[in-house]
């Protein structure tokens, strides 16, 4: 049986631990060296000798993974990072005239795959001791449609433009004003048009170092789109963007494609992924170990297949369970017990003015919060949390509040296991296990990835003794499965503890799935905001979706929410009835 072994030597703290692992290997006991320690002190595993017994995994404390691959799976990987390190099988294929999406959990190689296509990583076909070469892909994909693409790429007949995932790093490598950057890369003479379409006029004279995450994201997309290319690759293009901007970006990307041009993207917002793409590649595997790219499927079919966990035409079960969107059962409520109420409130922050209509929150509820960036959502959360005082009006109850902020900052670096001691002791089953946090215990907070830190901070927030929990953008950095798992955690937590949770987020599916009530923020970003509600879900979503001029329906097979095509029969019918939100 083919298998791969992954070793994270940074988690193996001592030579004694490595020697212990080496001693328990059955193959080593026969005199062969399956598990060895190289001259640099790193533990290595010979995959050819490994029997897949797994005895080395437990004493490795999460540092070792032994993955048995399907019997028929003996093909070479497209790329491997090194001995006992991550390997990637196959690649997604651009499709001219279409927007193609890549969907999968974090850590299975989505970014690696598109970096190979963008010629940022030279593929080595698993021979990591030699320098990679793009010409190797011609033989690897011989006899397939992809071979013609890579041949044209080699001959310079295909040009690629790439937007990286981590746009927050751009100011560290590129200096200057937005206008100068975009003018410099404008190969199409479309500066004015794209600046208008991406709403960048007001920030053209700002330094890159002065931009917010959402502004950097739109500048990066504009810079990529201004280059002459046949394939535009966008790695997580909606991160930091609000829902209105996500809809706008979706329309913008559809406008980039024609018979000679394709868009390829990685995206975790399932509603937006469905809305902007024509085809989907599913990426599956084991996080941090290996990743496989499926054949392309029409978007609806591809996303539904991903949710099912089984690729029928490839006979591949990549998840042992199906992700379902079942009709929500209402919470069992004895009475509508008021948790907190407030008068008409106002708060001025420089030139920005926020007005909050009088309202109240009830116990035993999840309250979703929707609105554009820069319109006062986080300011409202900080007022409720007691971090900001209002200029006018009062909050009428004193609450025990636990708050996870939008921007995750580490005040004191410490071991995750110590940081989450209370959560581990009280909520291991409810929080630690479903958030898959055990593997982070031996890391320092400063060593965590964005997604790991987000999950740690969510667990920390929810483990505190409080009556109201405030989660500001908890889905940021999380993949689709983590977001859906978090939605179940939030709802179960409210049911079991009887508290309330207020959630600010831009993932419409996430907010729709978890919320009982909805607050809607309206106004002009960075100038004035107005907080309305809470409403019941139908009232709130109708108000919000009408502002966006989009309608939602439920997929017949999976019951997941989907955006109707603009001016389709269903879109026109729902707008005529003034019902922008689907019927349950």
Protein backbone atom coordinates (compact mmCIF):
# COMPACT_ATOMS: atom_id res chain seq x y z
CA UNK A 1 0.00 0.00 0.00
CA UNK A 2 1.45 3.43 -0.96
CA UNK A 3 1.86 5.80 1.97
CA UNK A 4 3.43 9.08 2.93
CA UNK A 5 5.02 10.05 6.23
CA UNK A 6 5.06 13.62 7.53
CA UNK A 7 7.42 14.72 10.30
CA UNK A 8 7.32 18.15 11.94
CA UNK A 9 10.70 18.24 13.68
CA UNK A 10 9.92 21.56 15.34
CA UNK A 11 7.44 19.71 17.57
CA UNK A 12 10.02 17.13 18.60
CA UNK A 13 11.72 18.96 21.43
CA UNK A 14 14.50 16.61 22.51
CA UNK A 15 16.89 13.98 21.18
CA UNK A 16 15.57 11.63 23.91
CA UNK A 17 12.07 11.84 22.43
CA UNK A 18 13.42 11.10 18.95
CA UNK A 19 15.42 8.11 20.22
CA UNK A 20 12.32 6.75 21.99
CA UNK A 21 10.33 6.96 18.75
CA UNK A 22 13.15 5.30 16.86
CA UNK A 23 13.31 2.39 19.34
CA UNK A 24 9.61 1.47 19.15
CA UNK A 25 9.58 1.08 15.35
CA UNK A 26 9.05 -2.63 14.46
CA UNK A 27 11.09 -2.27 11.25
CA UNK A 28 14.02 -0.78 13.18
CA UNK A 29 13.91 -3.77 15.52
CA UNK A 30 14.61 -6.06 12.53
CA UNK A 31 17.88 -4.22 11.86
CA UNK A 32 16.66 -1.95 9.06
CA UNK A 33 16.48 1.80 9.55
CA UNK A 34 12.93 2.92 8.83
CA UNK A 35 13.11 5.72 11.42
CA UNK A 36 16.45 7.49 11.57
CA UNK A 37 18.08 10.62 12.91
CA UNK A 38 20.16 12.54 10.37
CA UNK A 39 23.43 14.41 11.09
CA UNK A 40 21.46 17.62 11.69
CA UNK A 41 19.49 15.90 14.46
CA UNK A 42 16.23 15.65 12.47
CA UNK A 43 14.06 12.54 12.71
CA UNK A 44 13.32 10.98 9.31
CA UNK A 45 11.05 8.17 8.14
CA UNK A 46 11.78 5.96 5.11
CA UNK A 47 8.39 5.67 3.40
CA UNK A 48 9.55 2.64 1.41
CA UNK A 49 10.27 0.68 4.60
CA UNK A 50 7.35 2.01 6.67
CA UNK A 51 4.63 -0.60 7.26
CA UNK A 52 2.04 1.95 8.37
CA UNK A 53 1.71 0.46 11.87
CA UNK A 54 1.37 3.93 13.42
CA UNK A 55 3.24 3.11 16.65
CA UNK A 56 5.40 6.21 16.21
CA UNK A 57 2.45 8.61 16.00
CA UNK A 58 1.37 8.73 19.66
CA UNK A 59 4.79 9.39 21.26
CA UNK A 60 5.34 11.99 18.54
CA UNK A 61 2.66 14.18 20.17
CA UNK A 62 1.26 15.41 16.86
CA UNK A 63 4.63 15.72 15.11
CA UNK A 64 4.22 12.57 12.99
CA UNK A 65 1.52 11.61 10.49
CA UNK A 66 1.46 8.28 8.64
CA UNK A 67 -1.09 8.36 5.83
CA UNK A 68 -2.03 5.23 3.90
CA UNK A 69 -3.08 6.12 0.36
CA UNK A 70 -5.51 4.09 -1.82
CA UNK A 71 -3.97 0.95 -3.34
CA UNK A 72 -4.45 2.21 -6.90
CA UNK A 73 -2.74 5.48 -6.08
CA UNK A 74 0.87 5.06 -7.18
CA UNK A 75 1.29 8.19 -9.28
CA UNK A 76 3.97 10.77 -8.59
CA UNK A 77 3.10 14.00 -6.85
CA UNK A 78 3.34 17.25 -8.80
CA UNK A 79 5.49 18.72 -6.05
CA UNK A 80 6.96 17.80 -2.70
CA UNK A 81 8.58 20.28 -0.33
CA UNK A 82 11.16 17.86 1.06
CA UNK A 83 11.70 14.59 2.90
CA UNK A 84 8.69 13.74 5.08
CA UNK A 85 7.04 17.01 4.09
CA UNK A 86 3.84 18.04 2.26
CA UNK A 87 3.19 16.75 -1.25
CA UNK A 88 0.70 17.90 -3.88
CA UNK A 89 -1.03 15.63 -6.41
CA UNK A 90 -2.35 17.11 -9.68
CA UNK A 91 -3.28 20.73 -10.46
CA UNK A 92 -6.44 22.72 -11.23
CA UNK A 93 -6.99 23.67 -14.85
CA UNK A 94 -7.89 27.20 -16.06
CA UNK A 95 -10.89 27.29 -18.39
CA UNK A 96 -11.08 30.14 -20.93
CA UNK A 97 -14.28 32.12 -20.73
CA UNK A 98 -14.97 30.94 -17.17
CA UNK A 99 -14.28 31.69 -13.53
CA UNK A 100 -12.98 28.50 -11.90
CA UNK A 101 -12.95 28.00 -8.12
CA UNK A 102 -10.84 25.85 -5.83
CA UNK A 103 -12.54 24.61 -2.64
CA UNK A 104 -11.08 22.67 0.28
CA UNK A 105 -9.94 22.83 3.89
CA UNK A 106 -6.88 24.79 4.99
CA UNK A 107 -3.57 22.96 4.64
CA UNK A 108 -4.32 20.70 1.65
CA UNK A 109 -2.30 22.72 -0.86
CA UNK A 110 -4.67 25.16 -2.54
CA UNK A 111 -2.14 27.98 -2.40
CA UNK A 112 0.66 25.60 -3.42
CA UNK A 113 -1.32 24.49 -6.47
CA UNK A 114 -1.99 27.98 -7.75
CA UNK A 115 1.60 29.06 -7.02
CA UNK A 116 2.79 26.24 -9.31
CA UNK A 117 0.44 27.52 -12.01
CA UNK A 118 1.68 31.07 -11.41
CA UNK A 119 5.29 29.80 -11.87
CA UNK A 120 6.19 30.82 -8.33
CA UNK A 121 7.01 27.23 -7.32
CA UNK A 122 8.99 25.00 -9.67
CA UNK A 123 7.41 21.52 -9.60
CA UNK A 124 9.78 18.64 -8.81
CA UNK A 125 7.44 15.64 -9.27
CA UNK A 126 8.42 14.44 -5.80
CA UNK A 127 12.16 14.44 -6.44
CA UNK A 128 12.86 17.12 -3.83
CA UNK A 129 16.63 16.64 -3.95
CA UNK A 130 16.71 18.16 -7.44
CA UNK A 131 15.68 21.64 -8.50
CA UNK A 132 12.18 21.76 -9.94
CA UNK A 133 11.46 22.46 -13.60
CA UNK A 134 8.25 23.61 -15.30
CA UNK A 135 8.98 21.42 -18.31
CA UNK A 136 8.31 18.38 -16.11
CA UNK A 137 4.60 19.23 -16.21
CA UNK A 138 4.46 18.54 -19.95
CA UNK A 139 5.22 14.85 -19.37
CA UNK A 140 3.16 14.66 -16.19
CA UNK A 141 0.01 15.86 -18.00
CA UNK A 142 0.80 14.18 -21.33
CA UNK A 143 -2.36 13.26 -23.21
CA UNK A 144 -4.62 15.59 -21.24
CA UNK A 145 -6.08 19.02 -21.98
CA UNK A 146 -3.72 20.46 -19.38
CA UNK A 147 -0.71 19.48 -21.53
CA UNK A 148 -1.71 22.02 -24.19
CA UNK A 149 -2.00 24.73 -21.54
CA UNK A 150 1.47 24.05 -20.11
CA UNK A 151 2.94 23.90 -23.63
CA UNK A 152 1.57 27.38 -24.36
CA UNK A 153 2.80 28.55 -20.97
CA UNK A 154 6.30 27.30 -21.81
CA UNK A 155 6.22 29.03 -25.20
CA UNK A 156 5.15 32.34 -23.65
CA UNK A 157 1.76 32.26 -25.35
CA UNK A 158 -0.01 32.31 -21.98
CA UNK A 159 0.58 35.04 -19.43
CA UNK A 160 -0.47 34.79 -15.79
CA UNK A 161 -1.30 37.50 -13.25
CA UNK A 162 -1.32 36.45 -9.59
CA UNK A 163 -2.78 38.06 -6.45
CA UNK A 164 -1.31 36.58 -3.26
CA UNK A 165 -3.27 35.45 -0.23
CA UNK A 166 -1.59 37.60 2.42
CA UNK A 167 -2.30 41.13 1.19
CA UNK A 168 -1.38 42.50 4.62
CA UNK A 169 2.27 41.81 3.75
CA UNK A 170 2.23 44.06 0.66
CA UNK A 171 3.22 47.29 2.49
CA UNK A 172 6.31 45.50 3.84
CA UNK A 173 7.65 44.82 0.35
CA UNK A 174 6.16 47.70 -1.67
CA UNK A 175 6.30 51.36 -0.72
CA UNK A 176 4.53 54.43 -2.11
CA UNK A 177 1.06 55.70 -2.89
CA UNK A 178 -1.81 53.67 -4.30
CA UNK A 179 -1.98 55.83 -7.45
CA UNK A 180 1.71 55.30 -8.24
CA UNK A 181 1.51 51.54 -7.73
CA UNK A 182 -1.53 51.10 -9.98
CA UNK A 183 -0.19 53.43 -12.68
CA UNK A 184 3.07 51.49 -12.73
CA UNK A 185 1.38 48.11 -13.37
CA UNK A 186 -1.32 49.39 -15.77
CA UNK A 187 -0.61 47.46 -18.99
CA UNK A 188 -4.16 47.80 -20.32
CA UNK A 189 -4.68 51.56 -19.99
CA UNK A 190 -7.73 50.84 -17.84
CA UNK A 191 -6.62 52.70 -14.70
CA UNK A 192 -9.67 54.99 -14.47
CA UNK A 193 -12.18 52.23 -15.24
CA UNK A 194 -10.85 49.74 -12.71
CA UNK A 195 -10.38 52.39 -10.02
CA UNK A 196 -14.06 53.27 -10.50
CA UNK A 197 -15.26 49.67 -10.50
CA UNK A 198 -13.35 48.78 -7.33
CA UNK A 199 -14.23 52.03 -5.53
CA UNK A 200 -10.62 53.17 -5.04
CA UNK A 201 -10.91 56.88 -5.85
CA UNK A 202 -10.84 58.04 -2.24
CA UNK A 203 -7.61 56.22 -1.39
CA UNK A 204 -5.47 56.89 -4.48
CA UNK A 205 -3.25 59.41 -2.69
CA UNK A 206 -2.78 57.33 0.45
CA UNK A 207 0.41 55.44 1.29
CA UNK A 208 0.08 51.65 1.18
CA UNK A 209 1.04 51.58 4.87
CA UNK A 210 -2.09 53.62 5.69
CA UNK A 211 -4.58 51.19 4.14
CA UNK A 212 -6.94 48.85 5.97
CA UNK A 213 -7.07 45.14 5.13
CA UNK A 214 -10.12 45.59 2.88
CA UNK A 215 -8.50 48.51 1.05
CA UNK A 216 -5.29 46.54 0.53
CA UNK A 217 -7.33 43.63 -0.83
CA UNK A 218 -9.06 45.80 -3.45
CA UNK A 219 -5.78 47.49 -4.43
CA UNK A 220 -4.14 44.07 -4.87
CA UNK A 221 -7.04 42.86 -7.03
CA UNK A 222 -6.84 46.05 -9.11
CA UNK A 223 -3.07 45.67 -9.57
CA UNK A 224 -3.51 42.10 -10.79
CA UNK A 225 -6.40 42.99 -13.11
CA UNK A 226 -4.47 45.89 -14.72
CA UNK A 227 -1.83 43.50 -16.07
CA UNK A 228 -2.24 41.91 -19.49
CA UNK A 229 -2.83 38.22 -18.87
CA UNK A 230 -4.70 35.17 -20.10
CA UNK A 231 -5.12 33.68 -16.63
CA UNK A 232 -5.86 35.77 -13.54
CA UNK A 233 -5.23 33.91 -10.29
CA UNK A 234 -6.69 35.24 -7.03
CA UNK A 235 -5.88 33.61 -3.71
CA UNK A 236 -8.72 34.34 -1.25
CA UNK A 237 -9.88 37.60 -2.91
CA UNK A 238 -12.72 38.36 -0.48
CA UNK A 239 -10.74 38.30 2.79
CA UNK A 240 -11.29 41.56 4.73
CA UNK A 241 -14.14 42.57 2.40
CA UNK A 242 -17.72 43.18 3.50
CA UNK A 243 -20.66 41.52 1.76
CA UNK A 244 -21.40 44.44 -0.55
CA UNK A 245 -17.76 44.48 -1.67
CA UNK A 246 -17.80 40.69 -2.13
CA UNK A 247 -20.78 40.94 -4.47
CA UNK A 248 -19.05 43.75 -6.36
CA UNK A 249 -15.79 41.77 -6.64
CA UNK A 250 -17.74 38.77 -7.93
CA UNK A 251 -19.24 40.86 -10.74
CA UNK A 252 -15.83 42.41 -11.45
CA UNK A 253 -14.15 39.02 -11.83
CA UNK A 254 -16.85 37.74 -14.11
CA UNK A 255 -16.14 40.77 -16.28
CA UNK A 256 -12.46 39.78 -16.64
CA UNK A 257 -13.14 36.57 -18.58
CA UNK A 258 -13.61 36.13 -22.32
CA UNK A 259 -12.79 33.49 -24.93
CA UNK A 260 -9.04 34.06 -24.37
CA UNK A 261 -9.07 34.74 -20.63
CA UNK A 262 -9.78 32.75 -17.47
CA UNK A 263 -10.00 33.48 -13.76
CA UNK A 264 -8.88 30.91 -11.19
CA UNK A 265 -9.48 31.55 -7.50
CA UNK A 266 -9.41 30.11 -3.99
CA UNK A 267 -12.36 31.11 -1.80
CA UNK A 268 -13.87 30.05 1.56
CA UNK A 269 -17.15 32.00 1.40
CA UNK A 270 -19.43 29.29 0.02
CA UNK A 271 -22.22 31.63 -1.14
CA UNK A 272 -19.76 33.91 -2.97
CA UNK A 273 -17.82 30.96 -4.42
CA UNK A 274 -21.07 29.60 -5.86
CA UNK A 275 -22.11 33.04 -7.13
CA UNK A 276 -18.91 33.96 -8.97
CA UNK A 277 -17.75 30.64 -10.48
CA UNK A 278 -18.84 28.42 -13.36
CA UNK A 279 -16.68 25.43 -12.40
CA UNK A 280 -15.19 24.03 -9.18
CA UNK A 281 -12.17 21.85 -8.38
CA UNK A 282 -12.39 20.04 -5.04
CA UNK A 283 -9.15 19.76 -3.09
CA UNK A 284 -8.98 17.01 -0.50
CA UNK A 285 -6.36 15.19 1.52
CA UNK A 286 -4.83 15.56 4.98
CA UNK A 287 -3.99 19.03 6.26
CA UNK A 288 -0.24 19.59 6.31
CA UNK A 289 0.45 16.21 4.69
CA UNK A 290 -0.90 15.93 1.14
CA UNK A 291 -3.48 17.37 -1.21
CA UNK A 292 -5.27 16.09 -4.31
CA UNK A 293 -7.06 18.14 -6.96
CA UNK A 294 -10.25 16.62 -8.40
CA UNK A 295 -11.49 17.04 -11.94
CA UNK A 296 -13.49 20.20 -12.62
CA UNK A 297 -17.24 20.11 -12.03
CA UNK A 298 -20.03 22.64 -12.67
CA UNK A 299 -20.21 24.89 -9.60
CA UNK A 300 -23.54 23.70 -8.19
CA UNK A 301 -22.60 20.04 -8.61
CA UNK A 302 -19.05 20.65 -7.38
CA UNK A 303 -20.09 22.38 -4.15
CA UNK A 304 -22.80 19.81 -3.45
CA UNK A 305 -20.25 17.04 -4.05
CA UNK A 306 -17.85 18.76 -1.66
CA UNK A 307 -20.54 18.94 1.01
CA UNK A 308 -21.37 15.25 0.50
CA UNK A 309 -17.75 14.22 1.12
CA UNK A 310 -17.82 11.71 -1.75
CA UNK A 311 -16.65 12.18 -5.36
CA UNK A 312 -18.72 9.60 -7.16
CA UNK A 313 -16.99 9.62 -10.57
CA UNK A 314 -13.58 9.19 -8.90
CA UNK A 315 -14.93 6.77 -6.26
CA UNK A 316 -13.25 8.81 -3.54
CA UNK A 317 -14.64 9.25 -0.03
CA UNK A 318 -12.58 12.16 1.36
CA UNK A 319 -14.69 12.91 4.45
CA UNK A 320 -16.48 10.33 6.62
CA UNK A 321 -19.61 12.46 6.99
CA UNK A 322 -21.90 14.68 4.92
CA UNK A 323 -22.31 18.37 5.68
CA UNK A 324 -26.03 19.09 5.87
CA UNK A 325 -28.07 22.28 6.07
CA UNK A 326 -31.06 21.01 7.96
CA UNK A 327 -34.03 23.26 8.77
CA UNK A 328 -33.18 24.91 12.08
CA UNK A 329 -35.16 23.95 15.10
CA UNK A 330 -36.10 26.98 17.21
CA UNK A 331 -34.48 27.22 20.63
CA UNK A 332 -36.59 26.03 23.51
CA UNK A 333 -37.52 29.22 25.35
CA UNK A 334 -39.49 29.53 28.57
CA UNK A 335 -40.05 33.26 28.15
CA UNK A 336 -38.52 36.20 26.32
CA UNK A 337 -36.23 37.24 29.15
CA UNK A 338 -34.58 40.58 28.51
CA UNK A 339 -30.79 40.54 28.77
CA UNK A 340 -29.92 44.15 27.99
CA UNK A 341 -31.63 47.20 26.51
CA UNK A 342 -30.47 50.62 25.39
CA UNK A 343 -31.90 54.05 24.57
CA UNK A 344 -31.11 55.86 21.33
CA UNK A 345 -27.31 56.01 21.40
CA UNK A 346 -24.76 58.07 19.51
CA UNK A 347 -20.98 58.06 19.25
CA UNK A 348 -18.66 60.32 17.25
CA UNK A 349 -15.17 59.10 16.35
CA UNK A 350 -13.43 61.94 14.52
CA UNK A 351 -15.43 62.61 11.35
CA UNK A 352 -17.44 59.38 11.74
CA UNK A 353 -20.85 59.54 13.42
CA UNK A 354 -22.75 56.48 14.62
CA UNK A 355 -26.40 56.45 15.67
CA UNK A 356 -27.92 53.39 17.30
CA UNK A 357 -31.70 53.04 17.47
CA UNK A 358 -33.14 52.00 20.84
CA UNK A 359 -33.21 48.24 21.14
CA UNK A 360 -32.85 45.20 23.35
CA UNK A 361 -31.30 41.75 23.38
CA UNK A 362 -32.93 38.67 24.89
CA UNK A 363 -31.41 35.70 26.65
CA UNK A 364 -30.87 32.41 24.87
CA UNK A 365 -30.34 33.97 21.42
CA UNK A 366 -27.73 34.32 18.68
CA UNK A 367 -27.84 37.81 17.23
CA UNK A 368 -26.17 38.29 13.84
CA UNK A 369 -24.81 41.67 12.78
CA UNK A 370 -24.53 42.62 9.08
CA UNK A 371 -23.30 45.77 7.35
CA UNK A 372 -20.52 47.28 5.26
CA UNK A 373 -17.01 47.91 6.53
CA UNK A 374 -16.41 51.24 8.24
CA UNK A 375 -20.03 51.70 9.23
CA UNK A 376 -19.87 51.22 13.00
CA UNK A 377 -20.36 47.50 13.72
CA UNK A 378 -17.16 47.13 15.72
CA UNK A 379 -17.83 50.46 17.47
CA UNK A 380 -21.24 49.14 18.57
CA UNK A 381 -19.68 45.90 19.83
CA UNK A 382 -17.09 47.87 21.83
CA UNK A 383 -19.88 49.98 23.36
CA UNK A 384 -21.77 46.84 24.42
CA UNK A 385 -18.49 45.37 25.74
CA UNK A 386 -17.84 48.51 27.80
CA UNK A 387 -14.68 49.33 25.84
CA UNK A 388 -16.17 52.62 24.55
CA UNK A 389 -18.52 55.13 26.18
CA UNK A 390 -21.38 56.70 24.27
CA UNK A 391 -21.70 60.44 23.70
CA UNK A 392 -25.47 60.22 24.16
CA UNK A 393 -27.85 57.64 25.63
CA UNK A 394 -27.40 54.80 28.08
CA UNK A 395 -27.23 51.03 28.21
CA UNK A 396 -29.64 50.05 30.96
CA UNK A 397 -28.10 46.87 32.35
CA UNK A 398 -24.66 45.94 33.59
CA UNK A 399 -23.59 42.67 32.01
CA UNK A 400 -20.85 40.13 32.33
CA UNK A 401 -19.43 40.28 28.81
CA UNK A 402 -16.76 38.20 27.06
CA UNK A 403 -15.33 39.80 23.91
CA UNK A 404 -13.30 38.44 20.99
CA UNK A 405 -12.11 41.45 18.99
CA UNK A 406 -11.87 41.72 15.22
CA UNK A 407 -8.09 42.16 15.18
CA UNK A 408 -6.29 39.44 17.10
CA UNK A 409 -3.44 40.83 19.17
CA UNK A 410 -1.30 38.85 21.60
CA UNK A 411 -0.74 40.86 24.76
CA UNK A 412 1.52 38.30 26.44
CA UNK A 413 3.06 35.34 24.63
CA UNK A 414 2.45 32.03 26.34
CA UNK A 415 1.88 28.36 25.67
CA UNK A 416 -1.56 27.63 24.20
CA UNK A 417 -2.18 24.90 26.78
CA UNK A 418 -1.77 27.45 29.59
CA UNK A 419 -3.70 30.18 27.76
CA UNK A 420 -6.68 27.82 27.32
CA UNK A 421 -6.45 26.15 30.74
CA UNK A 422 -9.99 27.17 31.70
CA UNK A 423 -11.46 26.03 28.37
CA UNK A 424 -9.61 22.69 28.55
CA UNK A 425 -10.85 22.07 32.11
CA UNK A 426 -14.50 23.05 31.54
CA UNK A 427 -15.30 22.81 27.82
CA UNK A 428 -13.09 20.14 26.27
CA UNK A 429 -16.03 18.43 24.57
CA UNK A 430 -17.93 21.60 23.63
CA UNK A 431 -15.00 23.74 22.42
CA UNK A 432 -11.54 22.15 22.36
CA UNK A 433 -12.33 18.96 20.46
CA UNK A 434 -14.71 20.38 17.78
CA UNK A 435 -12.32 23.31 17.15
CA UNK A 436 -9.42 20.80 16.77
CA UNK A 437 -7.22 22.68 19.22
CA UNK A 438 -5.33 19.76 20.81
CA UNK A 439 -2.62 20.00 18.15
CA UNK A 440 -1.90 23.61 19.12
CA UNK A 441 -1.30 22.95 22.83
CA UNK A 442 2.49 22.73 22.54
CA UNK A 443 2.79 25.93 20.49
CA UNK A 444 3.31 29.46 21.72
CA UNK A 445 0.57 31.94 20.77
CA UNK A 446 3.06 33.79 18.55
CA UNK A 447 3.68 30.59 16.55
CA UNK A 448 0.07 30.08 15.54
CA UNK A 449 -1.26 30.59 12.02
CA UNK A 450 -4.13 33.04 11.47
CA UNK A 451 -6.70 30.25 11.51
CA UNK A 452 -5.23 28.60 14.61
CA UNK A 453 -5.10 31.89 16.53
CA UNK A 454 -8.71 32.64 15.54
CA UNK A 455 -9.92 29.29 16.90
CA UNK A 456 -7.88 29.67 20.09
CA UNK A 457 -9.33 33.15 20.71
CA UNK A 458 -12.90 31.92 20.07
CA UNK A 459 -12.41 29.11 22.60
CA UNK A 460 -10.91 31.56 25.11
CA UNK A 461 -13.86 33.96 24.69
CA UNK A 462 -16.57 31.30 24.98
CA UNK A 463 -14.93 29.65 28.00
CA UNK A 464 -15.22 32.80 30.12
CA UNK A 465 -18.04 33.18 32.65
CA UNK A 466 -20.38 35.68 30.97
CA UNK A 467 -23.99 36.42 30.09
CA UNK A 468 -23.25 37.88 26.64
CA UNK A 469 -20.49 36.76 24.28
CA UNK A 470 -19.31 39.13 21.53
CA UNK A 471 -17.57 37.59 18.50
CA UNK A 472 -16.27 40.13 15.97
CA UNK A 473 -15.55 38.45 12.59
CA UNK A 474 -14.94 34.94 13.96
CA UNK A 475 -14.94 33.30 10.49
CA UNK A 476 -11.85 35.23 9.29
CA UNK A 477 -8.99 32.85 8.37
CA UNK A 478 -11.25 29.80 8.79
CA UNK A 479 -11.97 27.37 5.96
CA UNK A 480 -15.46 26.26 4.96
CA UNK A 481 -15.58 23.21 7.22
CA UNK A 482 -14.24 25.17 10.19
CA UNK A 483 -16.90 27.86 9.65
CA UNK A 484 -19.68 25.29 9.54
CA UNK A 485 -18.26 23.54 12.63
CA UNK A 486 -18.13 26.91 14.42
CA UNK A 487 -21.77 27.60 13.56
CA UNK A 488 -22.79 24.35 15.25
CA UNK A 489 -20.58 25.13 18.26
CA UNK A 490 -22.17 28.57 18.67
CA UNK A 491 -25.73 27.27 18.49
CA UNK A 492 -25.04 24.31 20.79
CA UNK A 493 -23.26 26.60 23.25
CA UNK A 494 -26.26 28.93 23.48
CA UNK A 495 -28.63 26.00 23.98
CA UNK A 496 -26.51 24.37 26.69
CA UNK A 497 -25.43 27.49 28.59
CA UNK A 498 -28.51 29.65 28.11
CA UNK A 499 -26.40 32.72 27.34
CA UNK A 500 -26.60 34.95 24.25
CA UNK A 501 -23.99 35.50 21.56
CA UNK A 502 -23.70 38.52 19.28
CA UNK A 503 -21.79 37.75 16.07
CA UNK A 504 -20.43 40.27 13.55
CA UNK A 505 -19.39 38.63 10.29
CA UNK A 506 -19.32 39.04 6.49
CA UNK A 507 -19.99 35.40 5.57
CA UNK A 508 -23.68 35.48 4.71
CA UNK A 509 -24.08 31.69 4.93
CA UNK A 510 -22.48 31.66 8.40
CA UNK A 511 -24.68 34.47 9.71
CA UNK A 512 -27.80 32.97 8.16
CA UNK A 513 -27.12 29.54 9.65
CA UNK A 514 -26.46 30.60 13.25
CA UNK A 515 -28.68 33.63 13.84
CA UNK A 516 -32.06 33.92 15.52
CA UNK A 517 -32.22 37.70 15.28
CA UNK A 518 -30.41 40.22 13.10
CA UNK A 519 -29.06 43.74 13.47
CA UNK A 520 -28.51 45.70 10.26
CA UNK A 521 -26.06 48.61 9.91
CA UNK A 522 -26.69 51.18 7.17
CA UNK A 523 -25.11 54.47 6.09
CA UNK A 524 -21.95 55.75 4.41
CA UNK A 525 -18.66 54.00 5.25
CA UNK A 526 -16.21 56.18 7.25
CA UNK A 527 -18.80 58.99 7.43
CA UNK A 528 -21.99 57.90 9.16
CA UNK A 529 -23.59 54.71 10.36
CA UNK A 530 -27.03 53.80 11.65
CA UNK A 531 -27.76 50.63 13.64
CA UNK A 532 -31.24 49.15 13.21
CA UNK A 533 -32.85 46.26 15.08
CA UNK A 534 -32.59 43.61 16.27
CA UNK A 535 -35.15 42.24 13.83
CA UNK A 536 -36.35 38.70 13.40
CA UNK A 537 -34.39 36.94 10.64
CA UNK A 538 -36.93 37.45 7.87
CA UNK A 539 -37.32 41.17 8.51
CA UNK A 540 -33.60 41.74 8.95
CA UNK A 541 -32.44 39.71 5.94
CA UNK A 542 -35.10 41.23 3.68
CA UNK A 543 -33.94 44.71 4.67
CA UNK A 544 -30.27 43.87 4.18
CA UNK A 545 -30.62 41.93 0.90
CA UNK A 546 -32.87 44.61 -0.60
CA UNK A 547 -30.08 47.13 -0.03
CA UNK A 548 -27.69 44.79 -1.92
CA UNK A 549 -30.33 44.11 -4.61
CA UNK A 550 -29.78 40.35 -4.43
CA UNK A 551 -32.21 37.54 -3.63
CA UNK A 552 -31.53 34.20 -1.94
CA UNK A 553 -32.97 30.77 -2.61
CA UNK A 554 -32.30 27.36 -1.06
CA UNK A 555 -30.59 24.62 -3.05
CA UNK A 556 -33.03 21.75 -3.60
CA UNK A 557 -30.46 19.02 -2.80
CA UNK A 558 -28.53 20.44 0.16
CA UNK A 559 -30.80 23.28 1.39
CA UNK A 560 -27.79 25.63 1.39
CA UNK A 561 -28.51 29.29 0.58
CA UNK A 562 -27.64 30.43 -2.96
CA UNK A 563 -27.77 33.84 -4.64
CA UNK A 564 -30.18 33.98 -7.58
CA UNK A 565 -28.79 35.12 -10.90
CA UNK A 566 -29.66 38.75 -11.45
CA UNK A 567 -32.87 39.13 -13.48
CA UNK A 568 -33.55 35.38 -13.47
CA UNK A 569 -37.18 34.26 -13.21
CA UNK A 570 -36.82 33.53 -9.49
CA UNK A 571 -34.95 36.79 -8.85
CA UNK A 572 -37.67 38.84 -10.57
CA UNK A 573 -40.45 36.94 -8.82
CA UNK A 574 -38.95 37.39 -5.33
CA UNK A 575 -38.29 41.09 -5.92
CA UNK A 576 -41.85 41.58 -7.17
CA UNK A 577 -43.12 40.03 -3.92
CA UNK A 578 -40.58 42.09 -1.93
CA UNK A 579 -39.23 38.78 -0.56
CA UNK A 580 -35.46 38.89 -0.95
CA UNK A 581 -34.94 36.18 1.66
CA UNK A 582 -35.91 32.60 0.83
CA UNK A 583 -38.87 30.88 2.44
CA UNK A 584 -37.96 28.16 4.97
